[in-house]
């Protein structure tokens, strides 16, 4: 409690407290993006050249020598490629 008879305080206004430790941060460095090539290429399966006289290649890889389109490769998953 301050009374009018007390002399005013002669102390300087308080300053913010000094830091006693130093905070350092490493600068953020971005690493270069390395784009790697695949070690192998996913290529389409190699299709053997069709045998002489084959009219179609079935979806399971077998060949058909059918004379007509109807029913060709019906038990082999259908026709993948027609040959003329």
Protein backbone atom coordinates (compact mmCIF):
# COMPACT_ATOMS: atom_id res chain seq x y z
CA UNK A 1 0.00 0.00 0.00
CA UNK A 2 1.37 3.36 -1.00
CA UNK A 3 0.81 6.36 1.22
CA UNK A 4 1.39 9.98 0.20
CA UNK A 5 4.23 10.25 2.67
CA UNK A 6 6.30 7.49 1.00
CA UNK A 7 8.93 8.77 -1.40
CA UNK A 8 8.58 7.63 -5.02
CA UNK A 9 10.65 4.65 -6.07
CA UNK A 10 13.88 5.49 -7.86
CA UNK A 11 14.45 2.15 -9.54
CA UNK A 12 14.53 1.93 -13.30
CA UNK A 13 11.62 0.25 -15.02
CA UNK A 14 12.22 -3.47 -15.26
CA UNK A 15 13.47 -4.82 -18.58
CA UNK A 16 12.53 -8.22 -19.95
CA UNK A 17 14.63 -11.04 -18.51
CA UNK A 18 17.73 -12.00 -20.48
CA UNK A 19 17.85 -15.37 -22.07
CA UNK A 20 20.45 -17.57 -20.52
CA UNK A 21 20.60 -20.04 -23.40
CA UNK A 22 20.84 -19.72 -27.13
CA UNK A 23 18.34 -21.37 -29.39
CA UNK A 24 19.78 -22.29 -32.74
CA UNK A 25 18.12 -24.01 -35.62
CA UNK A 26 19.66 -25.61 -38.61
CA UNK A 27 18.47 -24.14 -41.86
CA UNK A 28 15.95 -26.33 -43.60
CA UNK A 29 17.55 -27.78 -46.71
CA UNK A 30 15.54 -29.59 -49.28
CA UNK A 31 17.03 -32.70 -50.69
CA UNK A 32 16.90 -32.99 -54.45
CA UNK A 33 14.22 -35.30 -55.75
CA UNK A 34 15.81 -38.41 -57.20
CA UNK A 35 13.74 -39.97 -59.91
CA UNK A 36 14.79 -43.54 -60.30
CA UNK A 37 14.19 -45.53 -63.39
CA UNK A 38 12.65 -48.95 -62.97
CA UNK A 39 15.15 -51.77 -63.11
CA UNK A 40 13.02 -53.60 -65.62
CA UNK A 41 10.34 -52.52 -68.00
CA UNK A 42 6.95 -54.08 -67.86
CA UNK A 43 6.49 -55.06 -71.44
CA UNK A 44 3.64 -56.79 -73.13
CA UNK A 45 3.94 -60.55 -73.10
CA UNK A 46 5.74 -61.80 -76.14
CA UNK A 47 3.33 -63.47 -78.47
CA UNK A 48 4.85 -66.14 -80.63
CA UNK A 49 4.18 -65.76 -84.30
CA UNK A 50 1.15 -67.81 -85.11
CA UNK A 51 1.69 -71.26 -86.51
CA UNK A 52 0.97 -71.95 -90.11
CA UNK A 53 -2.75 -72.48 -90.65
CA UNK A 54 -3.91 -71.00 -87.30
CA UNK A 55 -6.97 -68.78 -87.66
CA UNK A 56 -7.15 -67.38 -84.10
CA UNK A 57 -5.30 -67.10 -80.82
CA UNK A 58 -7.41 -67.82 -77.75
CA UNK A 59 -7.29 -65.82 -74.51
CA UNK A 60 -5.46 -68.66 -72.75
CA UNK A 61 -2.68 -68.61 -75.39
CA UNK A 62 -3.71 -71.62 -77.41
CA UNK A 63 -4.27 -71.45 -81.16
CA UNK A 64 -7.37 -72.41 -83.07
CA UNK A 65 -7.57 -73.84 -86.56
CA UNK A 66 -11.30 -73.38 -86.83
CA UNK A 67 -12.83 -72.87 -90.25
CA UNK A 68 -15.70 -70.75 -88.87
CA UNK A 69 -15.90 -67.97 -86.29
CA UNK A 70 -18.80 -69.45 -84.38
CA UNK A 71 -17.64 -71.41 -81.32
CA UNK A 72 -13.96 -70.68 -81.86
CA UNK A 73 -12.07 -70.73 -78.52
CA UNK A 74 -15.35 -71.27 -76.65
CA UNK A 75 -13.64 -73.43 -74.01
CA UNK A 76 -10.49 -71.28 -73.86
CA UNK A 77 -11.89 -67.92 -72.72
CA UNK A 78 -12.79 -66.52 -76.13
CA UNK A 79 -10.77 -65.18 -79.04
CA UNK A 80 -7.93 -62.77 -78.35
CA UNK A 81 -6.73 -62.27 -81.94
CA UNK A 82 -8.12 -63.28 -85.31
CA UNK A 83 -5.69 -64.15 -88.10
CA UNK A 84 -6.64 -63.96 -91.74
